[in-house]
C-alpha atoms as a PDB file:
ATOM      1  CA  UNK A   1      99.108  42.716 127.201  1.00  0.00           C
ATOM      2  CA  UNK A   2      95.599  41.402 127.854  1.00  0.00           C
ATOM      3  CA  UNK A   3      94.151  44.284 125.815  1.00  0.00           C
ATOM      4  CA  UNK A   4      96.320  43.277 122.863  1.00  0.00           C
ATOM      5  CA  UNK A   5      94.865  39.762 122.537  1.00  0.00           C
ATOM      6  CA  UNK A   6      91.313  40.878 121.545  1.00  0.00           C
ATOM      7  CA  UNK A   7      92.810  43.323 119.032  1.00  0.00           C
ATOM      8  CA  UNK A   8      94.912  40.574 117.430  1.00  0.00           C
ATOM      9  CA  UNK A   9      91.867  38.301 117.277  1.00  0.00           C
ATOM     10  CA  UNK A  10      89.903  41.093 115.574  1.00  0.00           C
ATOM     11  CA  UNK A  11      92.655  41.542 112.967  1.00  0.00           C
ATOM     12  CA  UNK A  12      92.683  37.785 112.308  1.00  0.00           C
ATOM     13  CA  UNK A  13      88.890  37.771 111.816  1.00  0.00           C
ATOM     14  CA  UNK A  14      89.151  40.662 109.363  1.00  0.00           C
ATOM     15  CA  UNK A  15      91.831  38.809 107.369  1.00  0.00           C
ATOM     16  CA  UNK A  16      89.638  35.692 107.202  1.00  0.00           C
ATOM     17  CA  UNK A  17      86.743  37.791 105.887  1.00  0.00           C
ATOM     18  CA  UNK A  18      89.008  39.265 103.210  1.00  0.00           C
ATOM     19  CA  UNK A  19      90.250  35.831 102.177  1.00  0.00           C
ATOM     20  CA  UNK A  20      86.701  34.576 101.674  1.00  0.00           C
ATOM     21  CA  UNK A  21      86.073  37.149  98.946  1.00  0.00           C
ATOM     22  CA  UNK A  22      86.141  35.591  95.475  1.00  0.00           C
ATOM     23  CA  UNK A  23      88.729  38.056  94.191  1.00  0.00           C
ATOM     24  CA  UNK A  24      91.136  37.037  96.967  1.00  0.00           C
ATOM     25  CA  UNK A  25      91.098  33.288  96.383  1.00  0.00           C
ATOM     26  CA  UNK A  26      93.949  33.325  93.866  1.00  0.00           C
ATOM     27  CA  UNK A  27      97.573  34.428  93.972  1.00  0.00           C
ATOM     28  CA  UNK A  28      97.901  37.944  92.547  1.00  0.00           C
ATOM     29  CA  UNK A  29     101.103  37.013  90.701  1.00  0.00           C
ATOM     30  CA  UNK A  30     100.624  33.480  89.332  1.00  0.00           C
ATOM     31  CA  UNK A  31      96.852  32.983  89.715  1.00  0.00           C
ATOM     32  CA  UNK A  32      97.278  29.748  91.715  1.00  0.00           C
ATOM     33  CA  UNK A  33      94.328  28.869  93.930  1.00  0.00           C
ATOM     34  CA  UNK A  34      95.112  29.804  97.531  1.00  0.00           C
ATOM     35  CA  UNK A  35      92.817  27.165  98.996  1.00  0.00           C
ATOM     36  CA  UNK A  36      95.478  24.564  99.757  1.00  0.00           C
ATOM     37  CA  UNK A  37      98.620  26.675 100.099  1.00  0.00           C
ATOM     38  CA  UNK A  38     100.293  28.837 102.709  1.00  0.00           C
ATOM     39  CA  UNK A  39      98.770  32.232 102.135  1.00  0.00           C
ATOM     40  CA  UNK A  40     100.863  35.360 102.376  1.00  0.00           C
ATOM     41  CA  UNK A  41      99.854  38.957 102.027  1.00  0.00           C
ATOM     42  CA  UNK A  42     101.766  41.849 100.609  1.00  0.00           C
ATOM     43  CA  UNK A  43     100.717  44.809 102.683  1.00  0.00           C
ATOM     44  CA  UNK A  44     102.783  47.007 100.387  1.00  0.00           C
ATOM     45  CA  UNK A  45     100.666  46.150  97.341  1.00  0.00           C
ATOM     46  CA  UNK A  46      97.509  44.980  99.099  1.00  0.00           C
ATOM     47  CA  UNK A  47      97.511  41.566  97.434  1.00  0.00           C
ATOM     48  CA  UNK A  48      97.444  37.879  98.415  1.00  0.00           C
ATOM     49  CA  UNK A  49     100.250  35.618  97.264  1.00  0.00           C
ATOM     50  CA  UNK A  50     101.070  31.920  97.288  1.00  0.00           C
ATOM     51  CA  UNK A  51     104.187  30.852  99.185  1.00  0.00           C
ATOM     52  CA  UNK A  52     106.312  30.643  96.025  1.00  0.00           C
ATOM     53  CA  UNK A  53     105.466  34.143  94.844  1.00  0.00           C
ATOM     54  CA  UNK A  54     105.811  35.524  98.382  1.00  0.00           C
ATOM     55  CA  UNK A  55     109.346  34.114  98.497  1.00  0.00           C
ATOM     56  CA  UNK A  56     110.144  36.018  95.294  1.00  0.00           C
ATOM     57  CA  UNK A  57     108.725  39.208  96.828  1.00  0.00           C
ATOM     58  CA  UNK A  58     110.861  38.672  99.930  1.00  0.00           C
ATOM     59  CA  UNK A  59     114.012  38.596  97.775  1.00  0.00           C
ATOM     60  CA  UNK A  60     113.097  42.075  96.500  1.00  0.00           C
ATOM     61  CA  UNK A  61     113.548  43.454 100.010  1.00  0.00           C
ATOM     62  CA  UNK A  62     111.223  45.246 102.381  1.00  0.00           C
ATOM     63  CA  UNK A  63     111.818  48.541 100.605  1.00  0.00           C
ATOM     64  CA  UNK A  64     109.843  47.144  97.667  1.00  0.00           C
ATOM     65  CA  UNK A  65     107.459  44.526  99.045  1.00  0.00           C
ATOM     66  CA  UNK A  66     106.535  43.734 102.652  1.00  0.00           C
ATOM     67  CA  UNK A  67     105.164  40.217 103.143  1.00  0.00           C
ATOM     68  CA  UNK A  68     103.484  38.418 106.036  1.00  0.00           C
ATOM     69  CA  UNK A  69     101.769  35.061 106.261  1.00  0.00           C
ATOM     70  CA  UNK A  70      98.151  35.113 107.338  1.00  0.00           C
ATOM     71  CA  UNK A  71      99.172  33.420 110.606  1.00  0.00           C
ATOM     72  CA  UNK A  72     101.413  36.296 111.660  1.00  0.00           C
ATOM     73  CA  UNK A  73     100.144  39.260 113.658  1.00  0.00           C
ATOM     74  CA  UNK A  74      98.860  42.082 111.469  1.00  0.00           C
ATOM     75  CA  UNK A  75      98.480  45.680 112.610  1.00  0.00           C
ATOM     76  CA  UNK A  76      95.373  47.812 112.009  1.00  0.00           C
ATOM     77  CA  UNK A  77      97.253  49.709 109.295  1.00  0.00           C
ATOM     78  CA  UNK A  78      98.324  46.545 107.471  1.00  0.00           C
ATOM     79  CA  UNK A  79      94.781  45.174 107.492  1.00  0.00           C
ATOM     80  CA  UNK A  80      93.479  48.550 106.297  1.00  0.00           C
ATOM     81  CA  UNK A  81      95.937  48.492 103.370  1.00  0.00           C
ATOM     82  CA  UNK A  82      94.727  44.983 102.465  1.00  0.00           C
ATOM     83  CA  UNK A  83      91.110  46.206 102.467  1.00  0.00           C
ATOM     84  CA  UNK A  84      91.751  49.051 100.028  1.00  0.00           C
END
């Protein structure tokens, strides 16, 4: 378990770096600024979403769009998908 903590911290740092990019500062669906909102990521589509749009994606089901908030634990694969 102690080996997992540094890995999770690394994933969190990588997500923060991605969020600082200009192209990631707005919701991919509605273009709302993500600066003051709960930020969610679709690791199916590799996009950032505001809470409202993420809720819509969640209603589509995980077979179509998989959503996580930035505060959740992301795997290497999910972060990789967000980078591409």
